[in-house]
């Protein structure tokens, strides 16, 4: 297979892809951002609690 045929095949394959709509992309992005922010807050507060506990236990 030569390089030109490879790119033709790749282009043909991409034309068969079902691409998400803009709305689907925005909804997926929003869900990911909400999840990341929530997880970040959980880790932050767990770090604060464990840090406080360690400081309270150590002289």
N, C-alpha and C. Protein backbone atom coordinates (compact mmCIF):
# COMPACT_ATOMS: atom_id res chain seq x y z
N UNK A 1 0.86 -1.17 0.00
CA UNK A 1 0.00 0.00 0.00
C UNK A 1 0.90 1.23 0.00
N UNK A 2 0.66 2.12 -0.92
CA UNK A 2 1.46 3.34 -0.95
C UNK A 2 0.81 4.44 -0.12
N UNK A 3 1.53 5.52 0.03
CA UNK A 3 1.09 6.60 0.91
C UNK A 3 -0.19 7.27 0.40
N UNK A 4 -0.30 7.46 -0.88
CA UNK A 4 -1.50 8.10 -1.44
C UNK A 4 -2.74 7.25 -1.19
N UNK A 5 -2.62 5.94 -1.39
CA UNK A 5 -3.75 5.05 -1.15
C UNK A 5 -4.13 5.04 0.33
N UNK A 6 -3.13 5.13 1.19
CA UNK A 6 -3.39 5.18 2.63
C UNK A 6 -4.26 6.39 2.98
N UNK A 7 -3.90 7.56 2.46
CA UNK A 7 -4.69 8.76 2.75
C UNK A 7 -6.07 8.70 2.12
N UNK A 8 -6.21 8.10 0.97
CA UNK A 8 -7.54 7.92 0.37
C UNK A 8 -8.41 7.03 1.25
N UNK A 9 -7.81 5.95 1.72
CA UNK A 9 -8.56 5.04 2.59
C UNK A 9 -8.93 5.72 3.91
N UNK A 10 -8.01 6.49 4.46
CA UNK A 10 -8.28 7.20 5.71
C UNK A 10 -9.42 8.19 5.52
N UNK A 11 -9.40 8.91 4.42
CA UNK A 11 -10.46 9.89 4.14
C UNK A 11 -11.80 9.19 3.96
N UNK A 12 -11.79 8.06 3.26
CA UNK A 12 -13.03 7.31 3.07
C UNK A 12 -13.57 6.81 4.41
N UNK A 13 -12.68 6.35 5.26
CA UNK A 13 -13.10 5.87 6.58
C UNK A 13 -13.68 7.01 7.42
N UNK A 14 -13.06 8.17 7.37
CA UNK A 14 -13.56 9.32 8.13
C UNK A 14 -14.93 9.78 7.63
N UNK A 15 -15.21 9.56 6.36
CA UNK A 15 -16.52 9.97 5.84
C UNK A 15 -17.63 9.05 6.37
N UNK A 16 -17.27 7.87 6.86
CA UNK A 16 -18.26 6.93 7.41
C UNK A 16 -18.47 7.11 8.91
N UNK A 17 -17.69 7.98 9.52
CA UNK A 17 -17.79 8.19 10.96
C UNK A 17 -19.05 8.98 11.28
N UNK A 18 -19.75 8.58 12.32
CA UNK A 18 -20.90 9.34 12.80
C UNK A 18 -20.39 10.32 13.85
N UNK A 19 -20.29 11.58 13.47
CA UNK A 19 -19.74 12.59 14.36
C UNK A 19 -20.82 13.08 15.30
N UNK A 20 -20.45 13.41 16.55
CA UNK A 20 -21.45 13.93 17.49
C UNK A 20 -21.89 15.33 17.09
N UNK A 21 -23.11 15.66 17.49
CA UNK A 21 -23.60 17.01 17.22
C UNK A 21 -22.94 17.98 18.19
N UNK A 22 -23.07 19.25 17.90
CA UNK A 22 -22.50 20.28 18.79
C UNK A 22 -23.11 20.17 20.18
N UNK A 23 -24.41 19.92 20.23
CA UNK A 23 -25.11 19.79 21.51
C UNK A 23 -24.56 18.61 22.31
N UNK A 24 -24.31 17.49 21.65
CA UNK A 24 -23.75 16.33 22.34
C UNK A 24 -22.35 16.62 22.88
N UNK A 25 -21.55 17.32 22.11
CA UNK A 25 -20.21 17.68 22.56
C UNK A 25 -20.28 18.60 23.77
N UNK A 26 -21.16 19.59 23.72
CA UNK A 26 -21.30 20.52 24.85
C UNK A 26 -21.79 19.81 26.11
N UNK A 27 -22.75 18.91 25.96
CA UNK A 27 -23.25 18.17 27.11
C UNK A 27 -22.18 17.27 27.71
N UNK A 28 -21.42 16.61 26.86
CA UNK A 28 -20.33 15.76 27.34
C UNK A 28 -19.26 16.56 28.04
N UNK A 29 -18.92 17.71 27.47
CA UNK A 29 -17.91 18.58 28.08
C UNK A 29 -18.39 19.09 29.43
N UNK A 30 -19.65 19.47 29.51
CA UNK A 30 -20.21 19.95 30.77
C UNK A 30 -20.18 18.85 31.83
N UNK A 31 -20.53 17.65 31.47
CA UNK A 31 -20.52 16.54 32.42
C UNK A 31 -19.11 16.28 32.94
N UNK A 32 -18.14 16.31 32.04
CA UNK A 32 -16.75 16.08 32.45
C UNK A 32 -16.27 17.19 33.38
N UNK A 33 -16.57 18.43 33.05
CA UNK A 33 -16.14 19.55 33.89
C UNK A 33 -16.76 19.48 35.29
N UNK A 34 -18.05 19.15 35.35
CA UNK A 34 -18.71 19.02 36.65
C UNK A 34 -18.06 17.90 37.47
N UNK A 35 -17.79 16.78 36.83
CA UNK A 35 -17.15 15.66 37.51
C UNK A 35 -15.76 16.04 38.02
N UNK A 36 -14.98 16.72 37.19
CA UNK A 36 -13.63 17.12 37.59
C UNK A 36 -13.67 18.10 38.76
N UNK A 37 -14.55 19.07 38.71
CA UNK A 37 -14.66 20.04 39.81
C UNK A 37 -15.09 19.33 41.09
N UNK A 38 -16.07 18.44 41.00
CA UNK A 38 -16.54 17.72 42.18
C UNK A 38 -15.43 16.86 42.77
N UNK A 39 -14.71 16.15 41.94
CA UNK A 39 -13.63 15.30 42.41
C UNK A 39 -12.50 16.13 43.01
N UNK A 40 -12.22 17.27 42.42
CA UNK A 40 -11.19 18.17 42.95
C UNK A 40 -11.58 18.65 44.34
N UNK A 41 -12.83 19.03 44.52
CA UNK A 41 -13.29 19.49 45.83
C UNK A 41 -13.24 18.37 46.87
N UNK A 42 -13.61 17.18 46.48
CA UNK A 42 -13.56 16.04 47.40
C UNK A 42 -12.13 15.79 47.85
N UNK A 43 -11.20 15.75 46.90
CA UNK A 43 -9.79 15.51 47.24
C UNK A 43 -9.25 16.65 48.10
N UNK A 44 -9.61 17.88 47.79
CA UNK A 44 -9.15 19.03 48.56
C UNK A 44 -9.61 18.92 50.02
N UNK A 45 -10.90 18.65 50.23
CA UNK A 45 -11.41 18.57 51.59
C UNK A 45 -10.86 17.36 52.35
N UNK A 46 -10.67 16.24 51.65
CA UNK A 46 -10.06 15.09 52.30
C UNK A 46 -8.63 15.41 52.73
N UNK A 47 -7.90 16.12 51.89
CA UNK A 47 -6.54 16.52 52.23
C UNK A 47 -6.53 17.43 53.45
N UNK A 48 -7.46 18.36 53.50
CA UNK A 48 -7.54 19.27 54.66
C UNK A 48 -7.87 18.50 55.94
N UNK A 49 -8.82 17.58 55.87
CA UNK A 49 -9.22 16.80 57.04
C UNK A 49 -8.06 15.92 57.52
N UNK A 50 -7.42 15.20 56.59
CA UNK A 50 -6.31 14.33 56.99
C UNK A 50 -5.13 15.15 57.49
N UNK A 51 -4.89 16.28 56.88
CA UNK A 51 -3.82 17.16 57.35
C UNK A 51 -4.09 17.65 58.76
N UNK A 52 -5.32 18.04 59.03
CA UNK A 52 -5.70 18.48 60.37
C UNK A 52 -5.54 17.34 61.37
N UNK A 53 -5.97 16.13 60.98
CA UNK A 53 -5.88 14.98 61.88
C UNK A 53 -4.42 14.64 62.19
N UNK A 54 -3.56 14.68 61.19
CA UNK A 54 -2.15 14.37 61.41
C UNK A 54 -1.52 15.42 62.31
N UNK A 55 -1.81 16.68 62.08
CA UNK A 55 -1.26 17.74 62.93
C UNK A 55 -1.77 17.63 64.37
N UNK A 56 -3.00 17.17 64.54
CA UNK A 56 -3.56 17.02 65.88
C UNK A 56 -2.93 15.83 66.61
N UNK A 57 -2.54 14.80 65.87
CA UNK A 57 -1.96 13.61 66.50
C UNK A 57 -0.47 13.74 66.77
N UNK A 58 0.22 14.52 65.98
CA UNK A 58 1.66 14.67 66.16
C UNK A 58 1.95 15.83 67.10
N UNK A 59 2.96 15.65 67.97
CA UNK A 59 3.29 16.74 68.91
C UNK A 59 3.91 17.94 68.22
